[in-house]
Amino acid sequence: MIPLKDDNPTSSRPIVTYFLIGLCVVVFLMQLGSQSYRTLILSYGLIPSVLMGHDQLPMDLYAVPAYMTIFSSMFMHGGWMHLIMNMLFIWVFADNIEDNLGSRNFIIFYILCGIGAAMAHVLMDTHSQIPVIGASGAISGVLGAYIINHPKARILVLIPFFFIIIIKIRALYVLGYWFVLQFINSYTVSSQGGGVAYAAHIGGFVSGLILILFFNKKTKRKTKVIKGPWS
């Protein structure tokens, strides 16, 4: 199922969501304009074995400290379809979570989900020398938050079958199906050498499920109206 839009209006302009989309697009265009695409991926992508200290990059590839690749890798993508699908998901779902949390809390939430996703991927194989890039781990956290905060929102989805079906389905089912699919693919596609970091998707989603509960409480405390004798 490919989400196209939701019927969940916001009360504020999602500035951070726009910024994240713009940043990912700009970084990807810079990747395309680089003379050494492979060097960029190795230098700024997250390599588990390097992060955990099992291996070291050659000096000509050492651009940032290993821990910083957790962040730099979040804004890189491996191709146009990788970029388009990730930006579509953040466009549909992130604005409502930013509206719920406020822009400052949302960017903190997003980065923490990205860290959770990255560490889930790293811990699956700490000796892996394959770089991982993409915003999908952090975006998965947004999906986890959405299923908690807006389970009944209706999502317009495209279902490619023998023919194209466009239908509205509740977010609980759309995102629940997506999450189950990540588990299935992690045991089937990944075992056959697939190039998708499903562990990062699962880790990001679970991070979002947990973190949104704390962020919701924090936001409610800030917005709670304190009544006085003049009320």
C-alpha atoms as a PDB file:
ATOM      1  CA  MET A   1       0.000   0.000   0.000  1.00  0.00           C
ATOM      2  CA  ILE A   2       1.347   3.396  -1.011  1.00  0.00           C
ATOM      3  CA  PRO A   3      -0.050   6.311   1.055  1.00  0.00           C
ATOM      4  CA  LEU A   4      -1.106   9.341  -0.966  1.00  0.00           C
ATOM      5  CA  LYS A   5      -2.691  11.651   1.638  1.00  0.00           C
ATOM      6  CA  ASP A   6      -4.611  11.635   4.899  1.00  0.00           C
ATOM      7  CA  ASP A   7      -7.817  13.334   5.996  1.00  0.00           C
ATOM      8  CA  ASN A   8      -6.171  14.672   9.148  1.00  0.00           C
ATOM      9  CA  PRO A   9      -5.889  18.503   8.981  1.00  0.00           C
ATOM     10  CA  THR A  10      -3.313  20.411  11.027  1.00  0.00           C
ATOM     11  CA  SER A  11      -3.641  23.699  12.907  1.00  0.00           C
ATOM     12  CA  SER A  12      -0.138  24.978  12.123  1.00  0.00           C
ATOM     13  CA  ARG A  13       2.292  25.016   9.222  1.00  0.00           C
ATOM     14  CA  PRO A  14       4.761  22.083   9.469  1.00  0.00           C
ATOM     15  CA  ILE A  15       7.960  24.079   9.022  1.00  0.00           C
ATOM     16  CA  VAL A  16      10.273  21.309  10.245  1.00  0.00           C
ATOM     17  CA  THR A  17       8.620  18.755   7.976  1.00  0.00           C
ATOM     18  CA  TYR A  18       9.177  21.037   4.974  1.00  0.00           C
ATOM     19  CA  PHE A  19      12.769  21.618   6.106  1.00  0.00           C
ATOM     20  CA  LEU A  20      13.504  17.879   6.398  1.00  0.00           C
ATOM     21  CA  ILE A  21      12.094  17.197   2.943  1.00  0.00           C
ATOM     22  CA  GLY A  22      14.067  20.083   1.457  1.00  0.00           C
ATOM     23  CA  LEU A  23      17.286  19.022   3.176  1.00  0.00           C
ATOM     24  CA  CYS A  24      16.992  15.418   1.973  1.00  0.00           C
ATOM     25  CA  VAL A  25      16.361  16.590  -1.607  1.00  0.00           C
ATOM     26  CA  VAL A  26      19.307  19.012  -1.540  1.00  0.00           C
ATOM     27  CA  VAL A  27      21.660  16.371  -0.106  1.00  0.00           C
ATOM     28  CA  PHE A  28      20.557  13.867  -2.745  1.00  0.00           C
ATOM     29  CA  LEU A  29      21.177  16.367  -5.543  1.00  0.00           C
ATOM     30  CA  MET A  30      24.627  16.982  -4.076  1.00  0.00           C
ATOM     31  CA  GLN A  31      25.211  13.225  -4.134  1.00  0.00           C
ATOM     32  CA  LEU A  32      24.267  13.104  -7.816  1.00  0.00           C
ATOM     33  CA  GLY A  33      26.557  16.036  -8.557  1.00  0.00           C
ATOM     34  CA  SER A  34      29.526  14.440  -6.832  1.00  0.00           C
ATOM     35  CA  GLN A  35      32.297  12.937  -8.924  1.00  0.00           C
ATOM     36  CA  SER A  36      32.654  10.068  -6.461  1.00  0.00           C
ATOM     37  CA  TYR A  37      29.255   8.797  -5.332  1.00  0.00           C
ATOM     38  CA  ARG A  38      30.800   5.704  -3.730  1.00  0.00           C
ATOM     39  CA  THR A  39      33.215   7.809  -1.682  1.00  0.00           C
ATOM     40  CA  LEU A  40      30.349   9.881  -0.273  1.00  0.00           C
ATOM     41  CA  ILE A  41      28.424   6.770   0.772  1.00  0.00           C
ATOM     42  CA  LEU A  42      31.468   5.268   2.502  1.00  0.00           C
ATOM     43  CA  SER A  43      32.424   8.558   4.157  1.00  0.00           C
ATOM     44  CA  TYR A  44      29.006   9.663   5.417  1.00  0.00           C
ATOM     45  CA  GLY A  45      26.992   6.427   5.479  1.00  0.00           C
ATOM     46  CA  LEU A  46      26.608   4.449   8.693  1.00  0.00           C
ATOM     47  CA  ILE A  47      28.930   1.439   8.716  1.00  0.00           C
ATOM     48  CA  PRO A  48      28.261  -0.763  11.781  1.00  0.00           C
ATOM     49  CA  SER A  49      31.767  -2.214  12.038  1.00  0.00           C
ATOM     50  CA  VAL A  50      33.313   1.268  11.926  1.00  0.00           C
ATOM     51  CA  LEU A  51      30.865   2.700  14.451  1.00  0.00           C
ATOM     52  CA  MET A  52      31.559  -0.156  16.865  1.00  0.00           C
ATOM     53  CA  GLY A  53      35.333   0.149  16.431  1.00  0.00           C
ATOM     54  CA  HIS A  54      35.898  -3.198  14.722  1.00  0.00           C
ATOM     55  CA  ASP A  55      37.204  -1.539  11.531  1.00  0.00           C
ATOM     56  CA  GLN A  56      38.572   1.825  10.474  1.00  0.00           C
ATOM     57  CA  LEU A  57      38.092   3.736   7.259  1.00  0.00           C
ATOM     58  CA  PRO A  58      41.123   4.667   5.159  1.00  0.00           C
ATOM     59  CA  MET A  59      42.233   8.222   5.894  1.00  0.00           C
ATOM     60  CA  ASP A  60      41.061   9.475   2.494  1.00  0.00           C
ATOM     61  CA  LEU A  61      37.513   8.349   3.368  1.00  0.00           C
ATOM     62  CA  TYR A  62      37.500   9.659   6.923  1.00  0.00           C
ATOM     63  CA  ALA A  63      35.273  12.757   6.683  1.00  0.00           C
ATOM     64  CA  VAL A  64      33.485  12.842  10.053  1.00  0.00           C
ATOM     65  CA  PRO A  65      33.776  10.921  13.349  1.00  0.00           C
ATOM     66  CA  ALA A  66      32.064   7.530  13.163  1.00  0.00           C
ATOM     67  CA  TYR A  67      29.286   8.536  15.570  1.00  0.00           C
ATOM     68  CA  MET A  68      28.374  11.493  13.336  1.00  0.00           C
ATOM     69  CA  THR A  69      27.485   9.122  10.496  1.00  0.00           C
ATOM     70  CA  ILE A  70      24.395   8.201  12.526  1.00  0.00           C
ATOM     71  CA  PHE A  71      23.150  11.693  11.660  1.00  0.00           C
ATOM     72  CA  SER A  72      24.683  12.267   8.221  1.00  0.00           C
ATOM     73  CA  SER A  73      23.313   8.963   6.927  1.00  0.00           C
ATOM     74  CA  MET A  74      19.752  10.063   7.809  1.00  0.00           C
ATOM     75  CA  PHE A  75      19.731  12.628   5.004  1.00  0.00           C
ATOM     76  CA  MET A  76      21.290  10.549   2.207  1.00  0.00           C
ATOM     77  CA  HIS A  77      19.486   8.264  -0.238  1.00  0.00           C
ATOM     78  CA  GLY A  78      20.478   5.505  -2.610  1.00  0.00           C
ATOM     79  CA  GLY A  79      18.376   6.498  -5.616  1.00  0.00           C
ATOM     80  CA  TRP A  80      15.391   8.454  -6.875  1.00  0.00           C
ATOM     81  CA  MET A  81      12.808   5.858  -5.800  1.00  0.00           C
ATOM     82  CA  HIS A  82      14.384   5.601  -2.351  1.00  0.00           C
ATOM     83  CA  LEU A  83      14.133   9.371  -1.988  1.00  0.00           C
ATOM     84  CA  ILE A  84      10.626   9.713  -3.444  1.00  0.00           C
ATOM     85  CA  MET A  85       9.087   6.987  -1.278  1.00  0.00           C
ATOM     86  CA  ASN A  86      10.667   8.338   1.903  1.00  0.00           C
ATOM     87  CA  MET A  87       9.593  11.903   1.143  1.00  0.00           C
ATOM     88  CA  LEU A  88       6.068  10.719   0.351  1.00  0.00           C
ATOM     89  CA  PHE A  89       5.771   9.024   3.744  1.00  0.00           C
ATOM     90  CA  ILE A  90       7.120  12.027   5.635  1.00  0.00           C
ATOM     91  CA  TRP A  91       4.836  14.362   3.632  1.00  0.00           C
ATOM     92  CA  VAL A  92       1.717  12.353   4.513  1.00  0.00           C
ATOM     93  CA  PHE A  93       2.418  11.584   8.170  1.00  0.00           C
ATOM     94  CA  ALA A  94       4.967  13.978   9.689  1.00  0.00           C
ATOM     95  CA  ASP A  95       2.910  17.183   9.576  1.00  0.00           C
ATOM     96  CA  ASN A  96       0.404  15.855  12.113  1.00  0.00           C
ATOM     97  CA  ILE A  97       3.094  14.719  14.544  1.00  0.00           C
ATOM     98  CA  GLU A  98       4.820  18.088  14.256  1.00  0.00           C
ATOM     99  CA  ASP A  99       1.431  19.713  14.871  1.00  0.00           C
ATOM    100  CA  ASN A 100       0.985  17.556  17.994  1.00  0.00           C
ATOM    101  CA  LEU A 101       4.430  18.183  19.461  1.00  0.00           C
ATOM    102  CA  GLY A 102       5.417  21.610  18.166  1.00  0.00           C
ATOM    103  CA  SER A 103       8.336  22.189  15.815  1.00  0.00           C
ATOM    104  CA  ARG A 104      11.141  22.114  18.399  1.00  0.00           C
ATOM    105  CA  ASN A 105       9.966  18.938  20.120  1.00  0.00           C
ATOM    106  CA  PHE A 106       9.287  17.306  16.762  1.00  0.00           C
ATOM    107  CA  ILE A 107      12.839  17.711  15.480  1.00  0.00           C
ATOM    108  CA  ILE A 108      14.160  16.252  18.741  1.00  0.00           C
ATOM    109  CA  PHE A 109      11.696  13.372  18.445  1.00  0.00           C
ATOM    110  CA  TYR A 110      12.673  12.775  14.805  1.00  0.00           C
ATOM    111  CA  ILE A 111      16.406  12.663  15.540  1.00  0.00           C
ATOM    112  CA  LEU A 112      15.921  10.332  18.531  1.00  0.00           C
ATOM    113  CA  CYS A 113      13.889   7.962  16.353  1.00  0.00           C
ATOM    114  CA  GLY A 114      16.675   8.060  13.781  1.00  0.00           C
ATOM    115  CA  ILE A 115      19.210   7.148  16.462  1.00  0.00           C
ATOM    116  CA  GLY A 116      17.005   4.296  17.680  1.00  0.00           C
ATOM    117  CA  ALA A 117      16.647   3.007  14.123  1.00  0.00           C
ATOM    118  CA  ALA A 118      20.390   3.237  13.476  1.00  0.00           C
ATOM    119  CA  MET A 119      21.301   1.359  16.644  1.00  0.00           C
ATOM    120  CA  ALA A 120      18.740  -1.367  15.931  1.00  0.00           C
ATOM    121  CA  HIS A 121      20.403  -1.900  12.562  1.00  0.00           C
ATOM    122  CA  VAL A 122      23.924  -1.822  14.008  1.00  0.00           C
ATOM    123  CA  LEU A 123      23.141  -4.285  16.792  1.00  0.00           C
ATOM    124  CA  MET A 124      21.785  -6.805  14.276  1.00  0.00           C
ATOM    125  CA  ASP A 125      25.328  -7.218  12.948  1.00  0.00           C
ATOM    126  CA  THR A 126      28.021  -5.139  14.619  1.00  0.00           C
ATOM    127  CA  HIS A 127      30.656  -6.457  12.188  1.00  0.00           C
ATOM    128  CA  SER A 128      28.794  -5.480   9.017  1.00  0.00           C
ATOM    129  CA  GLN A 129      30.918  -3.432   6.619  1.00  0.00           C
ATOM    130  CA  ILE A 130      27.978  -2.403   4.440  1.00  0.00           C
ATOM    131  CA  PRO A 131      27.076   1.318   4.722  1.00  0.00           C
ATOM    132  CA  VAL A 132      23.431   2.155   5.362  1.00  0.00           C
ATOM    133  CA  ILE A 133      21.820   5.435   4.312  1.00  0.00           C
ATOM    134  CA  GLY A 134      18.317   6.884   4.230  1.00  0.00           C
ATOM    135  CA  ALA A 135      15.703   8.712   6.257  1.00  0.00           C
ATOM    136  CA  SER A 136      13.422   5.691   6.520  1.00  0.00           C
ATOM    137  CA  GLY A 137      14.515   4.782  10.059  1.00  0.00           C
ATOM    138  CA  ALA A 138      13.579   8.184  11.475  1.00  0.00           C
ATOM    139  CA  ILE A 139      10.428   8.291   9.329  1.00  0.00           C
ATOM    140  CA  SER A 140       9.455   4.883  10.738  1.00  0.00           C
ATOM    141  CA  GLY A 141       9.464   6.558  14.146  1.00  0.00           C
ATOM    142  CA  VAL A 142       6.992   9.119  12.808  1.00  0.00           C
ATOM    143  CA  LEU A 143       4.768   6.245  11.659  1.00  0.00           C
ATOM    144  CA  GLY A 144       4.934   4.724  15.131  1.00  0.00           C
ATOM    145  CA  ALA A 145       3.871   8.049  16.627  1.00  0.00           C
ATOM    146  CA  TYR A 146       1.055   8.431  14.092  1.00  0.00           C
ATOM    147  CA  ILE A 147      -0.463   5.051  14.900  1.00  0.00           C
ATOM    148  CA  ILE A 148      -0.602   6.083  18.583  1.00  0.00           C
ATOM    149  CA  ASN A 149      -1.904   9.629  18.112  1.00  0.00           C
ATOM    150  CA  HIS A 150      -4.130   9.205  15.052  1.00  0.00           C
ATOM    151  CA  PRO A 151      -5.165   5.544  14.672  1.00  0.00           C
ATOM    152  CA  LYS A 152      -8.605   6.438  13.288  1.00  0.00           C
ATOM    153  CA  ALA A 153      -7.403   8.930  10.677  1.00  0.00           C
ATOM    154  CA  ARG A 154      -8.245   7.762   7.188  1.00  0.00           C
ATOM    155  CA  ILE A 155      -5.414   7.367   4.708  1.00  0.00           C
ATOM    156  CA  LEU A 156      -5.902   7.435   0.954  1.00  0.00           C
ATOM    157  CA  VAL A 157      -3.731   4.582  -0.329  1.00  0.00           C
ATOM    158  CA  LEU A 158      -2.834   3.210  -3.732  1.00  0.00           C
ATOM    159  CA  ILE A 159      -2.792  -0.586  -3.923  1.00  0.00           C
ATOM    160  CA  PRO A 160      -1.035  -1.924  -7.024  1.00  0.00           C
ATOM    161  CA  PHE A 161      -2.566  -5.321  -7.790  1.00  0.00           C
ATOM    162  CA  PHE A 162      -3.631  -6.713 -11.157  1.00  0.00           C
ATOM    163  CA  PHE A 163      -5.129  -3.254 -11.494  1.00  0.00           C
ATOM    164  CA  ILE A 164      -4.691  -0.067  -9.440  1.00  0.00           C
ATOM    165  CA  ILE A 165      -6.992   0.364  -6.459  1.00  0.00           C
ATOM    166  CA  ILE A 166      -7.277   3.693  -4.600  1.00  0.00           C
ATOM    167  CA  ILE A 167      -9.130   3.485  -1.309  1.00  0.00           C
ATOM    168  CA  LYS A 168      -9.303   5.122   2.123  1.00  0.00           C
ATOM    169  CA  ILE A 169      -8.233   2.950   5.064  1.00  0.00           C
ATOM    170  CA  ARG A 170      -7.743   3.793   8.729  1.00  0.00           C
ATOM    171  CA  ALA A 171      -4.174   4.574   9.749  1.00  0.00           C
ATOM    172  CA  LEU A 172      -4.204   1.742  12.298  1.00  0.00           C
ATOM    173  CA  TYR A 173      -4.561  -0.812   9.499  1.00  0.00           C
ATOM    174  CA  VAL A 174      -2.288   0.907   6.984  1.00  0.00           C
ATOM    175  CA  LEU A 175       0.594   1.346   9.413  1.00  0.00           C
ATOM    176  CA  GLY A 176      -0.065  -1.939  11.207  1.00  0.00           C
ATOM    177  CA  TYR A 177       0.193  -3.730   7.862  1.00  0.00           C
ATOM    178  CA  TRP A 178       3.379  -1.804   7.046  1.00  0.00           C
ATOM    179  CA  PHE A 179       4.963  -2.813  10.364  1.00  0.00           C
ATOM    180  CA  VAL A 180       4.074  -6.501   9.984  1.00  0.00           C
ATOM    181  CA  LEU A 181       5.493  -6.384   6.446  1.00  0.00           C
ATOM    182  CA  GLN A 182       8.832  -5.156   7.809  1.00  0.00           C
ATOM    183  CA  PHE A 183       9.027  -8.203  10.074  1.00  0.00           C
ATOM    184  CA  ILE A 184       8.151 -10.580   7.255  1.00  0.00           C
ATOM    185  CA  ASN A 185      10.668  -8.994   4.890  1.00  0.00           C
ATOM    186  CA  SER A 186      13.383  -8.982   7.549  1.00  0.00           C
ATOM    187  CA  TYR A 187      13.226 -12.779   7.586  1.00  0.00           C
ATOM    188  CA  THR A 188      12.701 -13.378   3.877  1.00  0.00           C
ATOM    189  CA  VAL A 189      14.189 -10.622   1.717  1.00  0.00           C
ATOM    190  CA  SER A 190      17.105  -9.858   4.061  1.00  0.00           C
ATOM    191  CA  SER A 191      18.066 -13.516   4.308  1.00  0.00           C
ATOM    192  CA  GLN A 192      18.390 -13.525   0.516  1.00  0.00           C
ATOM    193  CA  GLY A 193      20.750 -10.564   0.530  1.00  0.00           C
ATOM    194  CA  GLY A 194      18.249  -7.722   0.109  1.00  0.00           C
ATOM    195  CA  GLY A 195      19.518  -4.151   0.337  1.00  0.00           C
ATOM    196  CA  VAL A 196      16.833  -2.722   2.658  1.00  0.00           C
ATOM    197  CA  ALA A 197      17.644  -2.148   6.343  1.00  0.00           C
ATOM    198  CA  TYR A 198      14.464  -3.661   7.778  1.00  0.00           C
ATOM    199  CA  ALA A 199      15.916  -3.753  11.287  1.00  0.00           C
ATOM    200  CA  ALA A 200      16.234   0.044  11.112  1.00  0.00           C
ATOM    201  CA  HIS A 201      12.581   0.312  10.073  1.00  0.00           C
ATOM    202  CA  ILE A 202      11.488  -1.882  12.973  1.00  0.00           C
ATOM    203  CA  GLY A 203      13.774  -0.115  15.443  1.00  0.00           C
ATOM    204  CA  GLY A 204      12.602   3.310  14.323  1.00  0.00           C
ATOM    205  CA  PHE A 205       8.926   2.332  14.524  1.00  0.00           C
ATOM    206  CA  VAL A 206       9.286   0.903  18.034  1.00  0.00           C
ATOM    207  CA  SER A 207      11.272   3.980  19.093  1.00  0.00           C
ATOM    208  CA  GLY A 208       8.438   6.174  17.838  1.00  0.00           C
ATOM    209  CA  LEU A 209       5.813   4.088  19.664  1.00  0.00           C
ATOM    210  CA  ILE A 210       7.654   4.521  22.967  1.00  0.00           C
ATOM    211  CA  LEU A 211       8.973   8.061  22.609  1.00  0.00           C
ATOM    212  CA  ILE A 212       5.666   9.584  21.548  1.00  0.00           C
ATOM    213  CA  LEU A 213       4.145   8.612  24.902  1.00  0.00           C
ATOM    214  CA  PHE A 214       6.753  10.711  26.731  1.00  0.00           C
ATOM    215  CA  PHE A 215       6.570  13.574  24.238  1.00  0.00           C
ATOM    216  CA  ASN A 216       2.772  13.605  24.459  1.00  0.00           C
ATOM    217  CA  LYS A 217       2.939  13.948  28.250  1.00  0.00           C
ATOM    218  CA  LYS A 218       5.539  16.701  27.964  1.00  0.00           C
ATOM    219  CA  THR A 219       3.430  18.596  25.434  1.00  0.00           C
ATOM    220  CA  LYS A 220       0.258  18.263  27.506  1.00  0.00           C
ATOM    221  CA  ARG A 221       2.039  19.633  30.584  1.00  0.00           C
ATOM    222  CA  LYS A 222       3.162  22.686  28.622  1.00  0.00           C
ATOM    223  CA  THR A 223      -0.251  23.377  27.123  1.00  0.00           C
ATOM    224  CA  LYS A 224      -2.275  22.725  30.270  1.00  0.00           C
ATOM    225  CA  VAL A 225      -4.235  25.798  31.323  1.00  0.00           C
ATOM    226  CA  ILE A 226      -3.698  26.783  34.941  1.00  0.00           C
ATOM    227  CA  LYS A 227      -6.892  28.244  36.370  1.00  0.00           C
ATOM    228  CA  GLY A 228      -6.808  31.002  38.967  1.00  0.00           C
ATOM    229  CA  PRO A 229      -9.414  32.776  41.057  1.00  0.00           C
ATOM    230  CA  TRP A 230     -10.106  35.096  38.098  1.00  0.00           C
ATOM    231  CA  SER A 231     -11.252  32.203  35.886  1.00  0.00           C
END
